[in-house]
Amino acid sequence: MNSQKKFIVSHAPFLHNGSGVAERNYHTIIALIPAVLMGLSVFGVPALGVLCLSVSSAIIWELLFNLAAKRSITVGDGHAVTLGLVLGMLLPATAPFWVVITGTFLAIVIGKQIFGGIGANPFCPPALAYAILYISWKTYLDFDAQLINFDFDFTAIYLPVAIKAFGTEALANINLGDLIIGRQIGGVGATSGLALIIGGAYLILRGFKRWEVPVAFIVGLVVTATFFHMADPDKYAGPFIHLFTGFSLIGAFFLATDDSASPVNPAAMIIYGATGGVMTILIRNIGQYPDGVIFAILLINLINPLVDKIRPKAIGKVA
């Protein structure tokens, strides 16, 4: 019998650490649990409903698309669960059921499957879904309006919007410690900076995420916010306020690091992440949208193919 060599051409990402798709997704879910638990402690049962509906509808959309396209069933790899969970963490605890279901359709079908499935999507699916929802039905993603009937025992105001409108006067009664642990309004799982850092560090230490993108994102955000604050302290908030409000940390650790929409070369990762952090502050301070993280991430997703061409020169000599 002849022995034949077979060459297998696989889609991006090409960097491999020995783990499988399912293992990677399940560890990502584990990393999200601290932020989810903090969100449930703040927003209660309504938040649980949003998360459960988001995860379950994402699984259903994945299954239906597999059946319609006559592909193998992929719900067992955990990717649909991860996307549904991340999207649910971005939404208000009172998001209408149809907004959640539409969002998971956008993430699974439009953001992922329509481009060929896992590893082929050019945009981070939850970020793409949230952006479309925000542009289409802004009222339902207005945290101040949606959470107005909650009885919070802390200052209930969505800081990116307040800072955009009133400058640093909005921070008069704000405690940075509350922001770090998650005593602020926002997305179901996006309020606790400490929990998100713990989850991100877990993935980095276990080797499921590279450190370059989130660290560069945070550095770009902090440095840019510092320059703005130094230029006008009354108008622009300081760097740590920006870091621990809105979607900054969930964006740095769980959105900007999307496997197929982010670079694999170290230099490209740093440029990619830093650009996201800089653009976040530019959009927040001089752009139209109070929280620029989602749109900044979609922008760097677009430049990913370009910056990923930046790589060290090969060692050797051209004959």
C-alpha atoms as a PDB file:
ATOM      1  CA  MET A   1       0.000   0.000   0.000  1.00  0.00           C
ATOM      2  CA  ASN A   2       1.349   3.407  -0.948  1.00  0.00           C
ATOM      3  CA  SER A   3       2.037   5.808   1.882  1.00  0.00           C
ATOM      4  CA  GLN A   4       0.742   9.276   1.093  1.00  0.00           C
ATOM      5  CA  LYS A   5       1.429  12.507   2.913  1.00  0.00           C
ATOM      6  CA  LYS A   6      -1.591  14.670   3.490  1.00  0.00           C
ATOM      7  CA  PHE A   7      -1.344  18.417   3.940  1.00  0.00           C
ATOM      8  CA  ILE A   8      -4.052  19.952   6.093  1.00  0.00           C
ATOM      9  CA  VAL A   9      -4.826  23.651   5.669  1.00  0.00           C
ATOM     10  CA  SER A  10      -6.680  25.022   8.678  1.00  0.00           C
ATOM     11  CA  HIS A  11      -8.352  28.391   9.238  1.00  0.00           C
ATOM     12  CA  ALA A  12      -7.072  30.953  11.716  1.00  0.00           C
ATOM     13  CA  PRO A  13      -6.111  31.167  14.530  1.00  0.00           C
ATOM     14  CA  PHE A  14      -2.901  29.235  13.904  1.00  0.00           C
ATOM     15  CA  LEU A  15      -1.316  29.671  17.341  1.00  0.00           C
ATOM     16  CA  HIS A  16      -1.910  26.511  19.360  1.00  0.00           C
ATOM     17  CA  ASN A  17      -1.176  25.711  22.994  1.00  0.00           C
ATOM     18  CA  GLY A  18      -2.269  22.080  22.939  1.00  0.00           C
ATOM     19  CA  SER A  19      -5.823  22.660  24.170  1.00  0.00           C
ATOM     20  CA  GLY A  20      -8.967  21.875  22.237  1.00  0.00           C
ATOM     21  CA  VAL A  21     -11.794  24.219  21.315  1.00  0.00           C
ATOM     22  CA  ALA A  22     -14.125  22.817  23.958  1.00  0.00           C
ATOM     23  CA  GLU A  23     -11.517  23.015  26.718  1.00  0.00           C
ATOM     24  CA  ARG A  24     -10.717  26.609  25.821  1.00  0.00           C
ATOM     25  CA  ASN A  25     -14.376  27.632  25.866  1.00  0.00           C
ATOM     26  CA  TYR A  26     -15.152  25.882  29.140  1.00  0.00           C
ATOM     27  CA  HIS A  27     -12.210  27.573  30.841  1.00  0.00           C
ATOM     28  CA  THR A  28     -13.427  30.914  29.498  1.00  0.00           C
ATOM     29  CA  ILE A  29     -16.810  30.226  31.075  1.00  0.00           C
ATOM     30  CA  ILE A  30     -15.076  29.425  34.377  1.00  0.00           C
ATOM     31  CA  ALA A  31     -13.182  32.719  34.131  1.00  0.00           C
ATOM     32  CA  LEU A  32     -16.471  34.611  33.655  1.00  0.00           C
ATOM     33  CA  ILE A  33     -18.128  33.121  36.744  1.00  0.00           C
ATOM     34  CA  PRO A  34     -16.739  35.668  39.299  1.00  0.00           C
ATOM     35  CA  ALA A  35     -18.103  38.603  37.279  1.00  0.00           C
ATOM     36  CA  VAL A  36     -21.419  36.792  36.774  1.00  0.00           C
ATOM     37  CA  LEU A  37     -21.791  36.125  40.498  1.00  0.00           C
ATOM     38  CA  MET A  38     -21.051  39.761  41.310  1.00  0.00           C
ATOM     39  CA  GLY A  39     -23.646  40.873  38.771  1.00  0.00           C
ATOM     40  CA  LEU A  40     -26.235  38.544  40.272  1.00  0.00           C
ATOM     41  CA  SER A  41     -25.515  39.916  43.747  1.00  0.00           C
ATOM     42  CA  VAL A  42     -26.162  43.447  42.493  1.00  0.00           C
ATOM     43  CA  PHE A  43     -29.077  42.942  40.089  1.00  0.00           C
ATOM     44  CA  GLY A  44     -30.679  39.780  41.445  1.00  0.00           C
ATOM     45  CA  VAL A  45     -33.178  37.507  39.697  1.00  0.00           C
ATOM     46  CA  PRO A  46     -33.743  39.699  36.597  1.00  0.00           C
ATOM     47  CA  ALA A  47     -30.027  39.391  35.796  1.00  0.00           C
ATOM     48  CA  LEU A  48     -30.238  35.612  36.107  1.00  0.00           C
ATOM     49  CA  GLY A  49     -33.143  35.599  33.662  1.00  0.00           C
ATOM     50  CA  VAL A  50     -31.206  37.613  31.085  1.00  0.00           C
ATOM     51  CA  LEU A  51     -28.144  35.354  31.364  1.00  0.00           C
ATOM     52  CA  CYS A  52     -30.155  32.128  31.148  1.00  0.00           C
ATOM     53  CA  LEU A  53     -32.135  33.345  28.148  1.00  0.00           C
ATOM     54  CA  SER A  54     -29.005  34.604  26.428  1.00  0.00           C
ATOM     55  CA  VAL A  55     -27.132  31.309  26.851  1.00  0.00           C
ATOM     56  CA  SER A  56     -30.080  29.075  25.964  1.00  0.00           C
ATOM     57  CA  SER A  57     -31.104  31.070  22.881  1.00  0.00           C
ATOM     58  CA  ALA A  58     -27.491  31.141  21.663  1.00  0.00           C
ATOM     59  CA  ILE A  59     -27.398  27.333  21.856  1.00  0.00           C
ATOM     60  CA  ILE A  60     -30.699  27.088  19.986  1.00  0.00           C
ATOM     61  CA  TRP A  61     -29.552  29.442  17.202  1.00  0.00           C
ATOM     62  CA  GLU A  62     -26.342  27.417  16.840  1.00  0.00           C
ATOM     63  CA  LEU A  63     -28.293  24.155  16.650  1.00  0.00           C
ATOM     64  CA  LEU A  64     -30.817  25.523  14.151  1.00  0.00           C
ATOM     65  CA  PHE A  65     -28.077  26.853  11.892  1.00  0.00           C
ATOM     66  CA  ASN A  66     -26.210  23.525  12.034  1.00  0.00           C
ATOM     67  CA  LEU A  67     -29.388  21.713  11.007  1.00  0.00           C
ATOM     68  CA  ALA A  68     -30.308  24.210   8.280  1.00  0.00           C
ATOM     69  CA  ALA A  69     -26.794  24.171   6.808  1.00  0.00           C
ATOM     70  CA  LYS A  70     -26.558  20.373   7.201  1.00  0.00           C
ATOM     71  CA  ARG A  71     -23.374  20.678   9.228  1.00  0.00           C
ATOM     72  CA  SER A  72     -22.224  18.616  12.159  1.00  0.00           C
ATOM     73  CA  ILE A  73     -23.729  19.684  15.496  1.00  0.00           C
ATOM     74  CA  THR A  74     -21.260  21.963  17.286  1.00  0.00           C
ATOM     75  CA  VAL A  75     -23.160  23.022  20.410  1.00  0.00           C
ATOM     76  CA  GLY A  76     -21.054  20.648  22.500  1.00  0.00           C
ATOM     77  CA  ASP A  77     -17.862  22.656  21.985  1.00  0.00           C
ATOM     78  CA  GLY A  78     -19.143  25.368  24.336  1.00  0.00           C
ATOM     79  CA  HIS A  79     -18.557  28.250  21.944  1.00  0.00           C
ATOM     80  CA  ALA A  80     -22.239  29.175  21.658  1.00  0.00           C
ATOM     81  CA  VAL A  81     -22.508  29.098  25.463  1.00  0.00           C
ATOM     82  CA  THR A  82     -19.505  31.402  25.766  1.00  0.00           C
ATOM     83  CA  LEU A  83     -20.839  33.884  23.216  1.00  0.00           C
ATOM     84  CA  GLY A  84     -24.300  33.866  24.787  1.00  0.00           C
ATOM     85  CA  LEU A  85     -22.868  34.366  28.268  1.00  0.00           C
ATOM     86  CA  VAL A  86     -20.621  37.262  27.233  1.00  0.00           C
ATOM     87  CA  LEU A  87     -23.454  38.988  25.381  1.00  0.00           C
ATOM     88  CA  GLY A  88     -25.785  38.537  28.368  1.00  0.00           C
ATOM     89  CA  MET A  89     -23.145  40.110  30.610  1.00  0.00           C
ATOM     90  CA  LEU A  90     -23.189  43.244  28.448  1.00  0.00           C
ATOM     91  CA  LEU A  91     -26.964  43.735  28.628  1.00  0.00           C
ATOM     92  CA  PRO A  92     -29.052  45.466  31.323  1.00  0.00           C
ATOM     93  CA  ALA A  93     -30.752  43.197  33.851  1.00  0.00           C
ATOM     94  CA  THR A  94     -34.128  44.388  32.561  1.00  0.00           C
ATOM     95  CA  ALA A  95     -33.463  43.854  28.850  1.00  0.00           C
ATOM     96  CA  PRO A  96     -36.680  42.641  27.118  1.00  0.00           C
ATOM     97  CA  PHE A  97     -36.672  38.990  26.099  1.00  0.00           C
ATOM     98  CA  TRP A  98     -36.873  39.822  22.403  1.00  0.00           C
ATOM     99  CA  VAL A  99     -33.795  42.067  22.633  1.00  0.00           C
ATOM    100  CA  VAL A 100     -31.840  39.187  24.196  1.00  0.00           C
ATOM    101  CA  ILE A 101     -33.006  36.682  21.580  1.00  0.00           C
ATOM    102  CA  THR A 102     -32.296  39.102  18.730  1.00  0.00           C
ATOM    103  CA  GLY A 103     -28.860  39.749  20.186  1.00  0.00           C
ATOM    104  CA  THR A 104     -27.933  36.075  20.309  1.00  0.00           C
ATOM    105  CA  PHE A 105     -29.183  35.643  16.728  1.00  0.00           C
ATOM    106  CA  LEU A 106     -26.887  38.467  15.654  1.00  0.00           C
ATOM    107  CA  ALA A 107     -23.939  37.007  17.574  1.00  0.00           C
ATOM    108  CA  ILE A 108     -24.336  33.384  16.466  1.00  0.00           C
ATOM    109  CA  VAL A 109     -25.735  33.632  12.949  1.00  0.00           C
ATOM    110  CA  ILE A 110     -24.518  37.038  11.720  1.00  0.00           C
ATOM    111  CA  GLY A 111     -21.356  37.405  13.773  1.00  0.00           C
ATOM    112  CA  LYS A 112     -20.119  33.817  13.604  1.00  0.00           C
ATOM    113  CA  GLN A 113     -21.829  31.258  11.361  1.00  0.00           C
ATOM    114  CA  ILE A 114     -22.426  33.386   8.297  1.00  0.00           C
ATOM    115  CA  PHE A 115     -18.648  33.792   7.936  1.00  0.00           C
ATOM    116  CA  GLY A 116     -17.998  30.062   8.157  1.00  0.00           C
ATOM    117  CA  GLY A 117     -18.187  29.220  11.837  1.00  0.00           C
ATOM    118  CA  ILE A 118     -15.707  29.266  14.683  1.00  0.00           C
ATOM    119  CA  GLY A 119     -12.354  30.754  13.773  1.00  0.00           C
ATOM    120  CA  ALA A 120     -13.575  32.460  10.589  1.00  0.00           C
ATOM    121  CA  ASN A 121     -15.372  35.491  12.001  1.00  0.00           C
ATOM    122  CA  PRO A 122     -13.668  38.865  11.357  1.00  0.00           C
ATOM    123  CA  PHE A 123     -15.472  40.584  14.258  1.00  0.00           C
ATOM    124  CA  CYS A 124     -15.960  39.655  17.897  1.00  0.00           C
ATOM    125  CA  PRO A 125     -19.543  38.278  17.752  1.00  0.00           C
ATOM    126  CA  PRO A 126     -20.854  39.667  21.102  1.00  0.00           C
ATOM    127  CA  ALA A 127     -19.395  43.108  20.320  1.00  0.00           C
ATOM    128  CA  LEU A 128     -20.952  43.101  16.858  1.00  0.00           C
ATOM    129  CA  ALA A 129     -24.326  42.013  18.251  1.00  0.00           C
ATOM    130  CA  TYR A 130     -24.273  44.653  20.996  1.00  0.00           C
ATOM    131  CA  ALA A 131     -23.349  47.404  18.527  1.00  0.00           C
ATOM    132  CA  ILE A 132     -26.264  46.525  16.237  1.00  0.00           C
ATOM    133  CA  LEU A 133     -28.666  46.366  19.192  1.00  0.00           C
ATOM    134  CA  TYR A 134     -27.399  49.689  20.524  1.00  0.00           C
ATOM    135  CA  ILE A 135     -27.799  51.470  17.206  1.00  0.00           C
ATOM    136  CA  SER A 136     -31.212  49.899  16.574  1.00  0.00           C
ATOM    137  CA  TRP A 137     -32.840  50.119  20.019  1.00  0.00           C
ATOM    138  CA  LYS A 138     -30.768  52.501  22.094  1.00  0.00           C
ATOM    139  CA  THR A 139     -33.515  52.975  24.701  1.00  0.00           C
ATOM    140  CA  TYR A 140     -33.443  49.317  25.736  1.00  0.00           C
ATOM    141  CA  LEU A 141     -29.683  49.501  26.337  1.00  0.00           C
ATOM    142  CA  ASP A 142     -29.874  52.731  28.343  1.00  0.00           C
ATOM    143  CA  PHE A 143     -28.779  51.522  31.782  1.00  0.00           C
ATOM    144  CA  ASP A 144     -30.094  54.589  33.606  1.00  0.00           C
ATOM    145  CA  ALA A 145     -33.553  54.237  32.072  1.00  0.00           C
ATOM    146  CA  GLN A 146     -33.732  50.450  32.310  1.00  0.00           C
ATOM    147  CA  LEU A 147     -32.541  50.166  35.929  1.00  0.00           C
ATOM    148  CA  ILE A 148     -34.351  53.197  37.352  1.00  0.00           C
ATOM    149  CA  ASN A 149     -36.766  51.067  39.422  1.00  0.00           C
ATOM    150  CA  PHE A 150     -34.029  49.097  41.176  1.00  0.00           C
ATOM    151  CA  ASP A 151     -33.540  49.920  44.849  1.00  0.00           C
ATOM    152  CA  PHE A 152     -29.757  50.282  44.998  1.00  0.00           C
ATOM    153  CA  ASP A 153     -27.949  51.122  48.220  1.00  0.00           C
ATOM    154  CA  PHE A 154     -25.302  53.058  46.302  1.00  0.00           C
ATOM    155  CA  THR A 155     -25.250  55.952  43.848  1.00  0.00           C
ATOM    156  CA  ALA A 156     -27.181  54.587  40.864  1.00  0.00           C
ATOM    157  CA  ILE A 157     -25.901  56.325  37.775  1.00  0.00           C
ATOM    158  CA  TYR A 158     -24.188  55.024  34.674  1.00  0.00           C
ATOM    159  CA  LEU A 159     -20.897  56.863  34.894  1.00  0.00           C
ATOM    160  CA  PRO A 160     -19.817  56.979  31.223  1.00  0.00           C
ATOM    161  CA  VAL A 161     -23.042  58.826  30.387  1.00  0.00           C
ATOM    162  CA  ALA A 162     -22.836  61.077  33.458  1.00  0.00           C
ATOM    163  CA  ILE A 163     -19.215  62.032  32.821  1.00  0.00           C
ATOM    164  CA  LYS A 164     -20.011  62.754  29.191  1.00  0.00           C
ATOM    165  CA  ALA A 165     -22.804  65.120  30.250  1.00  0.00           C
ATOM    166  CA  PHE A 166     -21.487  66.733  33.443  1.00  0.00           C
ATOM    167  CA  GLY A 167     -17.730  66.174  33.484  1.00  0.00           C
ATOM    168  CA  THR A 168     -16.056  65.275  36.762  1.00  0.00           C
ATOM    169  CA  GLU A 169     -18.946  66.825  38.729  1.00  0.00           C
ATOM    170  CA  ALA A 170     -20.666  63.462  38.250  1.00  0.00           C
ATOM    171  CA  LEU A 171     -17.971  61.854  40.418  1.00  0.00           C
ATOM    172  CA  ALA A 172     -18.706  63.908  43.543  1.00  0.00           C
ATOM    173  CA  ASN A 173     -20.233  61.012  45.509  1.00  0.00           C
ATOM    174  CA  ILE A 174     -18.467  58.149  43.754  1.00  0.00           C
ATOM    175  CA  ASN A 175     -16.196  55.790  45.661  1.00  0.00           C
ATOM    176  CA  LEU A 176     -13.479  54.148  43.556  1.00  0.00           C
ATOM    177  CA  GLY A 177     -13.635  51.088  45.810  1.00  0.00           C
ATOM    178  CA  ASP A 178     -17.309  50.597  44.892  1.00  0.00           C
ATOM    179  CA  LEU A 179     -16.400  50.688  41.216  1.00  0.00           C
ATOM    180  CA  ILE A 180     -13.636  48.122  41.657  1.00  0.00           C
ATOM    181  CA  ILE A 181     -15.798  45.554  43.426  1.00  0.00           C
ATOM    182  CA  GLY A 182     -18.856  46.214  41.247  1.00  0.00           C
ATOM    183  CA  ARG A 183     -21.219  48.445  43.203  1.00  0.00           C
ATOM    184  CA  GLN A 184     -22.278  50.441  40.156  1.00  0.00           C
ATOM    185  CA  ILE A 185     -24.887  50.096  37.452  1.00  0.00           C
ATOM    186  CA  GLY A 186     -24.057  48.713  34.057  1.00  0.00           C
ATOM    187  CA  GLY A 187     -24.133  45.430  32.198  1.00  0.00           C
ATOM    188  CA  VAL A 188     -25.142  42.320  34.135  1.00  0.00           C
ATOM    189  CA  GLY A 189     -21.583  41.008  34.272  1.00  0.00           C
ATOM    190  CA  ALA A 190     -19.530  44.086  33.423  1.00  0.00           C
ATOM    191  CA  THR A 191     -19.635  46.059  36.673  1.00  0.00           C
ATOM    192  CA  SER A 192     -16.974  44.362  38.808  1.00  0.00           C
ATOM    193  CA  GLY A 193     -13.499  45.295  37.680  1.00  0.00           C
ATOM    194  CA  LEU A 194     -11.908  43.061  40.289  1.00  0.00           C
ATOM    195  CA  ALA A 195     -13.857  39.987  39.166  1.00  0.00           C
ATOM    196  CA  LEU A 196     -13.033  40.612  35.511  1.00  0.00           C
ATOM    197  CA  ILE A 197      -9.332  41.027  36.304  1.00  0.00           C
ATOM    198  CA  ILE A 198      -9.385  37.759  38.243  1.00  0.00           C
ATOM    199  CA  GLY A 199     -11.056  35.987  35.320  1.00  0.00           C
ATOM    200  CA  GLY A 200      -8.672  37.478  32.776  1.00  0.00           C
ATOM    201  CA  ALA A 201      -5.629  36.621  34.889  1.00  0.00           C
ATOM    202  CA  TYR A 202      -6.898  33.045  35.203  1.00  0.00           C
ATOM    203  CA  LEU A 203      -7.030  32.632  31.427  1.00  0.00           C
ATOM    204  CA  ILE A 204      -3.595  34.185  30.957  1.00  0.00           C
ATOM    205  CA  LEU A 205      -1.943  32.073  33.659  1.00  0.00           C
ATOM    206  CA  ARG A 206      -3.544  28.905  32.283  1.00  0.00           C
ATOM    207  CA  GLY A 207      -2.276  29.759  28.807  1.00  0.00           C
ATOM    208  CA  PHE A 208      -5.669  30.194  27.141  1.00  0.00           C
ATOM    209  CA  LYS A 209      -5.118  33.908  26.456  1.00  0.00           C
ATOM    210  CA  ARG A 210      -1.982  35.885  25.669  1.00  0.00           C
ATOM    211  CA  TRP A 211      -1.173  38.839  27.910  1.00  0.00           C
ATOM    212  CA  GLU A 212      -0.180  41.264  25.156  1.00  0.00           C
ATOM    213  CA  VAL A 213      -3.644  42.331  23.980  1.00  0.00           C
ATOM    214  CA  PRO A 214      -5.331  43.015  27.364  1.00  0.00           C
ATOM    215  CA  VAL A 215      -2.238  44.652  28.881  1.00  0.00           C
ATOM    216  CA  ALA A 216      -1.693  46.868  25.827  1.00  0.00           C
ATOM    217  CA  PHE A 217      -5.403  47.750  25.797  1.00  0.00           C
ATOM    218  CA  ILE A 218      -5.305  48.816  29.451  1.00  0.00           C
ATOM    219  CA  VAL A 219      -2.050  50.755  29.024  1.00  0.00           C
ATOM    220  CA  GLY A 220      -3.395  52.573  25.959  1.00  0.00           C
ATOM    221  CA  LEU A 221      -6.587  53.456  27.809  1.00  0.00           C
ATOM    222  CA  VAL A 222      -4.820  54.634  30.991  1.00  0.00           C
ATOM    223  CA  VAL A 223      -2.181  56.718  29.209  1.00  0.00           C
ATOM    224  CA  THR A 224      -4.699  58.420  26.910  1.00  0.00           C
ATOM    225  CA  ALA A 225      -7.112  59.118  29.774  1.00  0.00           C
ATOM    226  CA  THR A 226      -4.241  60.575  31.821  1.00  0.00           C
ATOM    227  CA  PHE A 227      -3.348  63.052  29.070  1.00  0.00           C
ATOM    228  CA  PHE A 228      -6.973  64.172  28.746  1.00  0.00           C
ATOM    229  CA  HIS A 229      -7.319  64.534  32.514  1.00  0.00           C
ATOM    230  CA  MET A 230      -4.127  66.590  32.737  1.00  0.00           C
ATOM    231  CA  ALA A 231      -5.384  68.863  29.960  1.00  0.00           C
ATOM    232  CA  ASP A 232      -8.756  69.562  31.646  1.00  0.00           C
ATOM    233  CA  PRO A 233      -9.318  67.952  35.084  1.00  0.00           C
ATOM    234  CA  ASP A 234     -12.818  69.425  35.367  1.00  0.00           C
ATOM    235  CA  LYS A 235     -14.076  67.957  32.124  1.00  0.00           C
ATOM    236  CA  TYR A 236     -12.263  64.646  31.739  1.00  0.00           C
ATOM    237  CA  ALA A 237     -12.222  61.890  34.345  1.00  0.00           C
ATOM    238  CA  GLY A 238      -9.007  60.295  35.544  1.00  0.00           C
ATOM    239  CA  PRO A 239      -7.613  57.043  34.158  1.00  0.00           C
ATOM    240  CA  PHE A 240      -8.808  54.744  36.956  1.00  0.00           C
ATOM    241  CA  ILE A 241     -12.383  55.983  36.630  1.00  0.00           C
ATOM    242  CA  HIS A 242     -12.294  55.105  32.939  1.00  0.00           C
ATOM    243  CA  LEU A 243     -10.674  51.763  33.652  1.00  0.00           C
ATOM    244  CA  PHE A 244     -13.282  50.599  36.168  1.00  0.00           C
ATOM    245  CA  THR A 245     -16.428  51.921  34.464  1.00  0.00           C
ATOM    246  CA  GLY A 246     -18.360  50.823  31.408  1.00  0.00           C
ATOM    247  CA  PHE A 247     -17.065  47.893  29.389  1.00  0.00           C
ATOM    248  CA  SER A 248     -13.348  48.686  29.753  1.00  0.00           C
ATOM    249  CA  LEU A 249     -12.197  45.513  31.502  1.00  0.00           C
ATOM    250  CA  ILE A 250     -14.608  43.051  29.950  1.00  0.00           C
ATOM    251  CA  GLY A 251     -13.517  44.542  26.643  1.00  0.00           C
ATOM    252  CA  ALA A 252      -9.814  44.188  27.428  1.00  0.00           C
ATOM    253  CA  PHE A 253      -9.944  40.582  28.638  1.00  0.00           C
ATOM    254  CA  PHE A 254     -12.920  38.977  26.876  1.00  0.00           C
ATOM    255  CA  LEU A 255     -13.823  40.977  23.749  1.00  0.00           C
ATOM    256  CA  ALA A 256     -10.574  42.303  22.305  1.00  0.00           C
ATOM    257  CA  THR A 257      -8.976  38.867  22.747  1.00  0.00           C
ATOM    258  CA  ASP A 258     -11.442  37.036  20.491  1.00  0.00           C
ATOM    259  CA  ASP A 259      -9.351  34.325  18.860  1.00  0.00           C
ATOM    260  CA  SER A 260     -10.162  34.810  15.188  1.00  0.00           C
ATOM    261  CA  ALA A 261     -10.573  38.604  15.317  1.00  0.00           C
ATOM    262  CA  SER A 262      -7.264  39.376  17.061  1.00  0.00           C
ATOM    263  CA  PRO A 263      -3.615  39.024  15.946  1.00  0.00           C
ATOM    264  CA  VAL A 264      -1.277  36.142  16.736  1.00  0.00           C
ATOM    265  CA  ASN A 265       2.069  37.928  16.414  1.00  0.00           C
ATOM    266  CA  PRO A 266       3.380  39.643  19.604  1.00  0.00           C
ATOM    267  CA  ALA A 267       4.199  43.043  18.065  1.00  0.00           C
ATOM    268  CA  ALA A 268       0.852  43.092  16.269  1.00  0.00           C
ATOM    269  CA  MET A 269      -0.945  42.190  19.521  1.00  0.00           C
ATOM    270  CA  ILE A 270       0.564  45.183  21.309  1.00  0.00           C
ATOM    271  CA  ILE A 271      -0.335  47.588  18.506  1.00  0.00           C
ATOM    272  CA  TYR A 272      -3.814  46.099  18.244  1.00  0.00           C
ATOM    273  CA  GLY A 273      -4.525  46.282  21.983  1.00  0.00           C
ATOM    274  CA  ALA A 274      -3.041  49.745  22.489  1.00  0.00           C
ATOM    275  CA  THR A 275      -5.051  51.107  19.563  1.00  0.00           C
ATOM    276  CA  GLY A 276      -8.228  49.753  21.169  1.00  0.00           C
ATOM    277  CA  GLY A 277      -7.456  51.467  24.473  1.00  0.00           C
ATOM    278  CA  VAL A 278      -6.634  54.783  22.800  1.00  0.00           C
ATOM    279  CA  MET A 279      -9.746  54.684  20.619  1.00  0.00           C
ATOM    280  CA  THR A 280     -11.926  53.918  23.644  1.00  0.00           C
ATOM    281  CA  ILE A 281     -10.912  57.172  25.331  1.00  0.00           C
ATOM    282  CA  LEU A 282     -11.111  59.183  22.126  1.00  0.00           C
ATOM    283  CA  ILE A 283     -14.665  57.985  21.509  1.00  0.00           C
ATOM    284  CA  ARG A 284     -15.650  58.575  25.148  1.00  0.00           C
ATOM    285  CA  ASN A 285     -14.168  62.063  25.404  1.00  0.00           C
ATOM    286  CA  ILE A 286     -14.632  63.589  21.979  1.00  0.00           C
ATOM    287  CA  GLY A 287     -16.869  61.118  20.157  1.00  0.00           C
ATOM    288  CA  GLN A 288     -20.615  60.586  20.127  1.00  0.00           C
ATOM    289  CA  TYR A 289     -20.923  57.486  22.296  1.00  0.00           C
ATOM    290  CA  PRO A 290     -20.413  57.631  26.098  1.00  0.00           C
ATOM    291  CA  ASP A 291     -18.836  54.175  26.305  1.00  0.00           C
ATOM    292  CA  GLY A 292     -16.582  53.680  23.324  1.00  0.00           C
ATOM    293  CA  VAL A 293     -15.321  50.181  24.099  1.00  0.00           C
ATOM    294  CA  ILE A 294     -17.612  48.252  21.748  1.00  0.00           C
ATOM    295  CA  PHE A 295     -16.956  50.481  18.765  1.00  0.00           C
ATOM    296  CA  ALA A 296     -13.228  50.647  19.515  1.00  0.00           C
ATOM    297  CA  ILE A 297     -13.056  46.853  19.489  1.00  0.00           C
ATOM    298  CA  LEU A 298     -14.932  46.600  16.191  1.00  0.00           C
ATOM    299  CA  LEU A 299     -12.489  49.127  14.748  1.00  0.00           C
ATOM    300  CA  ILE A 300      -9.406  47.172  15.809  1.00  0.00           C
ATOM    301  CA  ASN A 301     -11.062  43.998  14.505  1.00  0.00           C
ATOM    302  CA  LEU A 302     -11.022  45.709  11.098  1.00  0.00           C
ATOM    303  CA  ILE A 303      -7.307  46.510  11.259  1.00  0.00           C
ATOM    304  CA  ASN A 304      -6.378  43.055  12.581  1.00  0.00           C
ATOM    305  CA  PRO A 305      -5.442  41.587   9.157  1.00  0.00           C
ATOM    306  CA  LEU A 306      -3.171  44.560   8.503  1.00  0.00           C
ATOM    307  CA  VAL A 307      -1.325  44.715  11.829  1.00  0.00           C
ATOM    308  CA  ASP A 308      -0.937  40.941  11.991  1.00  0.00           C
ATOM    309  CA  LYS A 309       1.430  41.182   9.027  1.00  0.00           C
ATOM    310  CA  ILE A 310       3.914  42.855  11.360  1.00  0.00           C
ATOM    311  CA  ARG A 311       6.236  40.083  12.452  1.00  0.00           C
ATOM    312  CA  PRO A 312       9.951  39.571  13.138  1.00  0.00           C
ATOM    313  CA  LYS A 313      12.190  39.031  10.159  1.00  0.00           C
ATOM    314  CA  ALA A 314      13.130  35.433   9.498  1.00  0.00           C
ATOM    315  CA  ILE A 315      16.555  34.428  10.741  1.00  0.00           C
ATOM    316  CA  GLY A 316      18.834  33.362   7.935  1.00  0.00           C
ATOM    317  CA  LYS A 317      20.195  34.478   4.638  1.00  0.00           C
ATOM    318  CA  VAL A 318      18.457  34.649   1.307  1.00  0.00           C
ATOM    319  CA  ALA A 319      20.404  32.720  -1.276  1.00  0.00           C
END
